[in-house]
N, C-alpha and C. Protein backbone atom coordinates (compact mmCIF):
# COMPACT_ATOMS: atom_id res chain seq x y z
N VAL A 1 -8.15 9.15 12.36
CA VAL A 1 -6.87 8.97 11.67
C VAL A 1 -7.07 9.28 10.19
N GLN A 2 -6.18 10.10 9.67
CA GLN A 2 -6.19 10.41 8.24
C GLN A 2 -4.96 9.77 7.60
N LEU A 3 -5.15 9.30 6.38
CA LEU A 3 -4.07 8.69 5.61
C LEU A 3 -3.86 9.47 4.33
N GLN A 4 -2.61 9.80 4.03
CA GLN A 4 -2.27 10.57 2.85
C GLN A 4 -1.24 9.79 2.04
N ALA A 5 -1.64 9.31 0.88
CA ALA A 5 -0.74 8.55 0.01
C ALA A 5 -0.06 9.49 -0.99
N SER A 6 1.18 9.17 -1.31
CA SER A 6 1.93 9.96 -2.29
C SER A 6 3.02 9.11 -2.89
N GLY A 7 3.67 9.63 -3.92
CA GLY A 7 4.82 8.96 -4.50
C GLY A 7 4.60 8.28 -5.84
N GLY A 8 3.37 8.33 -6.32
CA GLY A 8 3.10 7.71 -7.61
C GLY A 8 3.76 8.46 -8.75
N GLY A 9 3.74 7.86 -9.93
CA GLY A 9 4.32 8.51 -11.09
C GLY A 9 4.40 7.57 -12.26
N LEU A 10 5.16 8.00 -13.26
CA LEU A 10 5.37 7.22 -14.48
C LEU A 10 6.78 6.65 -14.46
N VAL A 11 6.89 5.36 -14.71
CA VAL A 11 8.19 4.69 -14.69
C VAL A 11 8.21 3.63 -15.77
N GLN A 12 9.39 3.34 -16.27
CA GLN A 12 9.52 2.29 -17.28
C GLN A 12 9.52 0.92 -16.62
N ALA A 13 9.14 -0.07 -17.38
CA ALA A 13 9.17 -1.44 -16.88
C ALA A 13 10.58 -1.78 -16.38
N GLY A 14 10.63 -2.45 -15.24
CA GLY A 14 11.91 -2.77 -14.61
C GLY A 14 12.37 -1.74 -13.62
N GLY A 15 11.72 -0.60 -13.60
CA GLY A 15 12.10 0.48 -12.71
C GLY A 15 11.50 0.33 -11.32
N SER A 16 11.72 1.37 -10.51
CA SER A 16 11.27 1.34 -9.12
C SER A 16 10.55 2.63 -8.75
N LEU A 17 9.66 2.51 -7.77
CA LEU A 17 8.99 3.65 -7.17
C LEU A 17 8.82 3.34 -5.69
N ARG A 18 8.75 4.39 -4.87
CA ARG A 18 8.42 4.20 -3.47
C ARG A 18 7.20 5.05 -3.13
N LEU A 19 6.15 4.39 -2.70
CA LEU A 19 4.95 5.07 -2.26
C LEU A 19 5.01 5.32 -0.76
N SER A 20 4.42 6.41 -0.34
CA SER A 20 4.36 6.75 1.08
C SER A 20 2.91 6.89 1.51
N CYS A 21 2.63 6.49 2.73
CA CYS A 21 1.30 6.66 3.33
C CYS A 21 1.52 7.28 4.71
N ALA A 22 1.27 8.58 4.80
CA ALA A 22 1.48 9.29 6.06
C ALA A 22 0.20 9.29 6.88
N ALA A 23 0.31 8.86 8.12
CA ALA A 23 -0.83 8.81 9.02
C ALA A 23 -0.78 9.98 9.99
N SER A 24 -1.92 10.57 10.23
CA SER A 24 -2.02 11.66 11.20
C SER A 24 -3.25 11.47 12.04
N GLY A 25 -3.28 12.14 13.18
CA GLY A 25 -4.41 12.00 14.09
C GLY A 25 -4.10 10.96 15.16
N ARG A 26 -5.09 10.15 15.51
CA ARG A 26 -4.96 9.18 16.59
C ARG A 26 -4.25 7.92 16.11
N THR A 27 -2.96 8.06 15.86
CA THR A 27 -2.21 6.94 15.29
C THR A 27 -2.07 5.77 16.26
N LEU A 28 -2.24 6.03 17.56
CA LEU A 28 -2.16 4.93 18.52
C LEU A 28 -3.29 3.92 18.34
N SER A 29 -4.34 4.34 17.63
CA SER A 29 -5.49 3.45 17.44
C SER A 29 -5.34 2.57 16.20
N ILE A 30 -4.24 2.71 15.48
CA ILE A 30 -4.05 1.94 14.24
C ILE A 30 -3.57 0.54 14.56
N ASP A 31 -4.18 -0.45 13.91
CA ASP A 31 -3.72 -1.83 14.02
C ASP A 31 -2.93 -2.27 12.80
N VAL A 32 -3.48 -2.00 11.65
CA VAL A 32 -2.91 -2.48 10.39
C VAL A 32 -3.02 -1.37 9.35
N VAL A 33 -2.02 -1.25 8.51
CA VAL A 33 -2.10 -0.39 7.33
C VAL A 33 -1.83 -1.25 6.10
N GLY A 34 -2.67 -1.11 5.13
CA GLY A 34 -2.53 -1.91 3.91
C GLY A 34 -2.47 -1.04 2.67
N TRP A 35 -1.93 -1.64 1.62
CA TRP A 35 -1.94 -1.03 0.28
C TRP A 35 -2.81 -1.89 -0.62
N PHE A 36 -3.65 -1.24 -1.38
CA PHE A 36 -4.48 -1.87 -2.40
C PHE A 36 -4.26 -1.13 -3.70
N ARG A 37 -4.68 -1.74 -4.79
CA ARG A 37 -4.59 -1.06 -6.08
C ARG A 37 -5.80 -1.41 -6.93
N GLN A 38 -6.12 -0.49 -7.83
CA GLN A 38 -7.24 -0.70 -8.74
C GLN A 38 -6.87 -0.21 -10.11
N ALA A 39 -6.86 -1.13 -11.06
CA ALA A 39 -6.60 -0.79 -12.45
C ALA A 39 -7.93 -0.52 -13.14
N PRO A 40 -7.91 0.23 -14.24
CA PRO A 40 -9.16 0.55 -14.94
C PRO A 40 -9.92 -0.70 -15.33
N GLY A 41 -11.20 -0.74 -14.98
CA GLY A 41 -12.04 -1.87 -15.35
C GLY A 41 -11.84 -3.11 -14.51
N LYS A 42 -11.03 -3.01 -13.47
CA LYS A 42 -10.76 -4.18 -12.64
C LYS A 42 -11.19 -3.93 -11.20
N GLU A 43 -11.31 -5.01 -10.45
CA GLU A 43 -11.64 -4.93 -9.03
C GLU A 43 -10.43 -4.40 -8.25
N ARG A 44 -10.72 -3.76 -7.13
CA ARG A 44 -9.64 -3.35 -6.23
C ARG A 44 -9.01 -4.60 -5.65
N GLU A 45 -7.67 -4.65 -5.64
CA GLU A 45 -7.00 -5.84 -5.15
C GLU A 45 -5.97 -5.50 -4.09
N PHE A 46 -5.78 -6.43 -3.19
CA PHE A 46 -4.82 -6.31 -2.11
C PHE A 46 -3.40 -6.37 -2.66
N VAL A 47 -2.51 -5.56 -2.07
CA VAL A 47 -1.11 -5.56 -2.46
C VAL A 47 -0.24 -6.01 -1.28
N ALA A 48 -0.34 -5.31 -0.16
CA ALA A 48 0.51 -5.62 1.00
C ALA A 48 -0.10 -4.98 2.24
N ALA A 49 0.30 -5.49 3.40
CA ALA A 49 -0.15 -4.91 4.66
C ALA A 49 0.93 -5.09 5.71
N ILE A 50 0.88 -4.22 6.72
CA ILE A 50 1.84 -4.29 7.82
C ILE A 50 1.13 -4.01 9.13
N GLY A 51 1.46 -4.77 10.16
CA GLY A 51 0.93 -4.51 11.49
C GLY A 51 1.58 -3.27 12.06
N TRP A 52 0.76 -2.36 12.56
CA TRP A 52 1.29 -1.06 13.00
C TRP A 52 2.25 -1.22 14.16
N ASN A 53 1.95 -2.10 15.09
CA ASN A 53 2.81 -2.31 16.25
C ASN A 53 3.62 -3.60 16.17
N THR A 54 3.13 -4.57 15.42
CA THR A 54 3.82 -5.85 15.33
C THR A 54 4.85 -5.89 14.21
N TYR A 55 4.67 -5.04 13.22
CA TYR A 55 5.52 -5.00 12.03
C TYR A 55 5.44 -6.30 11.22
N ARG A 56 4.45 -7.14 11.50
CA ARG A 56 4.25 -8.30 10.64
C ARG A 56 3.84 -7.81 9.26
N THR A 57 4.23 -8.56 8.23
CA THR A 57 3.92 -8.15 6.86
C THR A 57 3.19 -9.26 6.12
N LEU A 58 2.46 -8.84 5.12
CA LEU A 58 1.66 -9.75 4.30
C LEU A 58 1.68 -9.22 2.88
N TYR A 59 1.85 -10.11 1.90
CA TYR A 59 1.95 -9.69 0.50
C TYR A 59 1.04 -10.52 -0.38
N ALA A 60 0.54 -9.89 -1.42
CA ALA A 60 -0.14 -10.64 -2.47
C ALA A 60 0.91 -11.43 -3.24
N ASP A 61 0.51 -12.58 -3.74
CA ASP A 61 1.45 -13.43 -4.48
C ASP A 61 2.05 -12.69 -5.68
N SER A 62 1.27 -11.82 -6.28
CA SER A 62 1.70 -11.14 -7.50
C SER A 62 2.84 -10.14 -7.26
N VAL A 63 3.08 -9.76 -6.01
CA VAL A 63 4.12 -8.77 -5.74
C VAL A 63 5.23 -9.31 -4.84
N LYS A 64 5.09 -10.52 -4.35
CA LYS A 64 6.12 -11.09 -3.48
C LYS A 64 7.48 -11.10 -4.17
N GLY A 65 8.50 -10.67 -3.43
CA GLY A 65 9.84 -10.63 -3.99
C GLY A 65 10.15 -9.37 -4.76
N ARG A 66 9.12 -8.58 -5.07
CA ARG A 66 9.34 -7.32 -5.81
C ARG A 66 8.99 -6.10 -4.97
N PHE A 67 7.96 -6.20 -4.15
CA PHE A 67 7.51 -5.08 -3.33
C PHE A 67 7.87 -5.35 -1.87
N THR A 68 8.16 -4.26 -1.14
CA THR A 68 8.45 -4.35 0.28
C THR A 68 7.68 -3.27 1.02
N ILE A 69 6.92 -3.68 2.02
CA ILE A 69 6.19 -2.72 2.86
C ILE A 69 6.98 -2.53 4.15
N SER A 70 7.03 -1.29 4.60
CA SER A 70 7.77 -1.00 5.83
C SER A 70 7.12 0.18 6.53
N ARG A 71 7.55 0.43 7.75
CA ARG A 71 6.98 1.52 8.53
C ARG A 71 8.09 2.30 9.20
N ASP A 72 7.98 3.63 9.16
CA ASP A 72 8.88 4.52 9.87
C ASP A 72 8.15 5.02 11.10
N ASN A 73 8.57 4.53 12.25
CA ASN A 73 7.88 4.85 13.50
C ASN A 73 7.89 6.35 13.78
N ALA A 74 9.03 6.99 13.58
CA ALA A 74 9.15 8.41 13.91
C ALA A 74 8.29 9.29 13.03
N LYS A 75 8.07 8.86 11.81
CA LYS A 75 7.31 9.68 10.84
C LYS A 75 5.87 9.22 10.70
N ASN A 76 5.48 8.17 11.41
CA ASN A 76 4.11 7.62 11.27
C ASN A 76 3.77 7.41 9.80
N THR A 77 4.71 6.86 9.09
CA THR A 77 4.55 6.68 7.65
C THR A 77 4.82 5.23 7.28
N VAL A 78 3.99 4.71 6.40
CA VAL A 78 4.17 3.37 5.84
C VAL A 78 4.63 3.54 4.39
N TYR A 79 5.63 2.77 4.02
CA TYR A 79 6.18 2.85 2.67
C TYR A 79 5.88 1.57 1.90
N LEU A 80 5.78 1.71 0.60
CA LEU A 80 5.70 0.56 -0.29
C LEU A 80 6.79 0.74 -1.34
N GLN A 81 7.88 0.02 -1.16
CA GLN A 81 8.97 0.05 -2.14
C GLN A 81 8.64 -0.95 -3.24
N MET A 82 8.55 -0.45 -4.46
CA MET A 82 8.17 -1.28 -5.59
C MET A 82 9.33 -1.36 -6.56
N ASN A 83 9.87 -2.56 -6.72
CA ASN A 83 10.98 -2.80 -7.63
C ASN A 83 10.54 -3.72 -8.77
N SER A 84 11.34 -3.77 -9.80
CA SER A 84 11.06 -4.64 -10.96
C SER A 84 9.61 -4.45 -11.43
N LEU A 85 9.22 -3.22 -11.59
CA LEU A 85 7.83 -2.93 -11.95
C LEU A 85 7.49 -3.44 -13.34
N LYS A 86 6.25 -3.86 -13.47
CA LYS A 86 5.74 -4.41 -14.72
C LYS A 86 4.56 -3.56 -15.19
N PRO A 87 4.26 -3.57 -16.48
CA PRO A 87 3.09 -2.81 -16.95
C PRO A 87 1.80 -3.20 -16.22
N GLU A 88 1.69 -4.46 -15.84
CA GLU A 88 0.47 -4.90 -15.13
C GLU A 88 0.38 -4.37 -13.71
N ASP A 89 1.42 -3.69 -13.22
CA ASP A 89 1.36 -3.02 -11.92
C ASP A 89 0.69 -1.64 -12.03
N THR A 90 0.41 -1.21 -13.25
CA THR A 90 -0.24 0.08 -13.45
C THR A 90 -1.61 0.10 -12.79
N ALA A 91 -1.84 1.07 -11.94
CA ALA A 91 -3.10 1.16 -11.19
C ALA A 91 -3.07 2.41 -10.33
N VAL A 92 -4.20 2.72 -9.76
CA VAL A 92 -4.25 3.69 -8.66
C VAL A 92 -4.02 2.91 -7.38
N TYR A 93 -3.06 3.36 -6.60
CA TYR A 93 -2.71 2.69 -5.35
C TYR A 93 -3.29 3.46 -4.17
N TYR A 94 -3.92 2.74 -3.26
CA TYR A 94 -4.56 3.32 -2.08
C TYR A 94 -3.95 2.72 -0.82
N CYS A 95 -3.78 3.54 0.20
CA CYS A 95 -3.46 2.99 1.51
C CYS A 95 -4.73 3.05 2.36
N ALA A 96 -4.82 2.10 3.27
CA ALA A 96 -6.03 1.96 4.06
C ALA A 96 -5.69 1.49 5.46
N ARG A 97 -6.53 1.88 6.40
CA ARG A 97 -6.35 1.47 7.79
C ARG A 97 -7.25 0.29 8.07
N GLY A 98 -6.64 -0.78 8.60
CA GLY A 98 -7.41 -1.97 8.93
C GLY A 98 -7.72 -2.04 10.41
N GLY A 99 -8.48 -3.07 10.77
CA GLY A 99 -8.81 -3.30 12.17
C GLY A 99 -7.91 -4.36 12.75
N SER A 100 -8.44 -5.17 13.64
CA SER A 100 -7.64 -6.15 14.35
C SER A 100 -7.54 -7.48 13.62
N THR A 101 -8.23 -7.64 12.51
CA THR A 101 -8.19 -8.91 11.77
C THR A 101 -6.84 -9.06 11.09
N TRP A 102 -6.19 -10.18 11.38
CA TRP A 102 -4.88 -10.50 10.78
C TRP A 102 -4.73 -12.00 10.72
N PRO A 103 -4.25 -12.56 9.60
CA PRO A 103 -3.99 -11.85 8.37
C PRO A 103 -5.26 -11.70 7.54
N THR A 104 -5.31 -10.69 6.73
CA THR A 104 -6.44 -10.52 5.84
C THR A 104 -6.02 -9.77 4.60
N GLN A 105 -6.61 -10.11 3.47
CA GLN A 105 -6.41 -9.41 2.22
C GLN A 105 -7.74 -8.84 1.72
N ASP A 106 -8.74 -8.88 2.57
CA ASP A 106 -10.09 -8.45 2.21
C ASP A 106 -10.24 -6.96 2.44
N ALA A 107 -10.58 -6.24 1.39
CA ALA A 107 -10.75 -4.79 1.50
C ALA A 107 -11.81 -4.42 2.53
N ALA A 108 -12.76 -5.31 2.76
CA ALA A 108 -13.82 -5.04 3.73
C ALA A 108 -13.27 -4.95 5.16
N ASP A 109 -12.08 -5.50 5.39
CA ASP A 109 -11.46 -5.42 6.72
C ASP A 109 -10.64 -4.16 6.89
N PHE A 110 -10.68 -3.29 5.90
CA PHE A 110 -9.96 -2.01 5.95
C PHE A 110 -10.98 -0.90 5.78
N PRO A 111 -11.59 -0.41 6.86
CA PRO A 111 -12.71 0.51 6.74
C PRO A 111 -12.35 1.96 6.44
N PHE A 112 -11.09 2.34 6.58
CA PHE A 112 -10.72 3.74 6.39
C PHE A 112 -9.68 3.85 5.30
N TRP A 113 -9.95 4.72 4.32
CA TRP A 113 -9.12 4.80 3.13
C TRP A 113 -8.61 6.21 2.91
N GLY A 114 -7.39 6.30 2.39
CA GLY A 114 -6.86 7.57 1.94
C GLY A 114 -7.17 7.74 0.46
N GLN A 115 -6.75 8.86 -0.11
CA GLN A 115 -6.94 9.05 -1.54
C GLN A 115 -5.87 8.24 -2.27
N GLY A 116 -6.07 7.98 -3.52
CA GLY A 116 -5.14 7.16 -4.27
C GLY A 116 -4.02 7.96 -4.91
N THR A 117 -3.01 7.23 -5.34
CA THR A 117 -1.91 7.83 -6.10
C THR A 117 -1.68 6.96 -7.33
N GLN A 118 -1.55 7.60 -8.48
CA GLN A 118 -1.47 6.86 -9.74
C GLN A 118 -0.05 6.35 -9.98
N VAL A 119 0.05 5.08 -10.33
CA VAL A 119 1.31 4.47 -10.75
C VAL A 119 1.12 3.97 -12.17
N THR A 120 1.97 4.41 -13.07
CA THR A 120 1.90 3.99 -14.47
C THR A 120 3.25 3.43 -14.87
N VAL A 121 3.23 2.19 -15.35
CA VAL A 121 4.45 1.52 -15.77
C VAL A 121 4.38 1.31 -17.28
N SER A 122 5.31 1.91 -17.98
CA SER A 122 5.31 1.81 -19.44
C SER A 122 6.19 0.64 -19.88
N SER A 123 5.79 0.03 -20.99
CA SER A 123 6.54 -1.13 -21.50
C SER A 123 7.66 -0.71 -22.43
């Protein structure tokens, strides 16, 4: 399974962006897809995750109420709708494929990663 993230960009504080994570290959083998982010000089941190077949969702406390993760079954794509963006949301955002562990926010439970997409929020 390959994951391709896109949709990053530059936005002002309070604005919105929608990230996409397109999955290709053996998508039937996917259990969970998650979004993580890494800001310069900081550890990679969990943002949100969704069960591929269950559609259960999980969010980091820092994004609850502002970000929404969803999945388009027909397009094999997971979205991260980001609203009310803050400068501290600035980071490279990665989507990753997880295993059967749920719930989890541990990057170690997501063994397969796509490339990142840069999100920059200006104040």
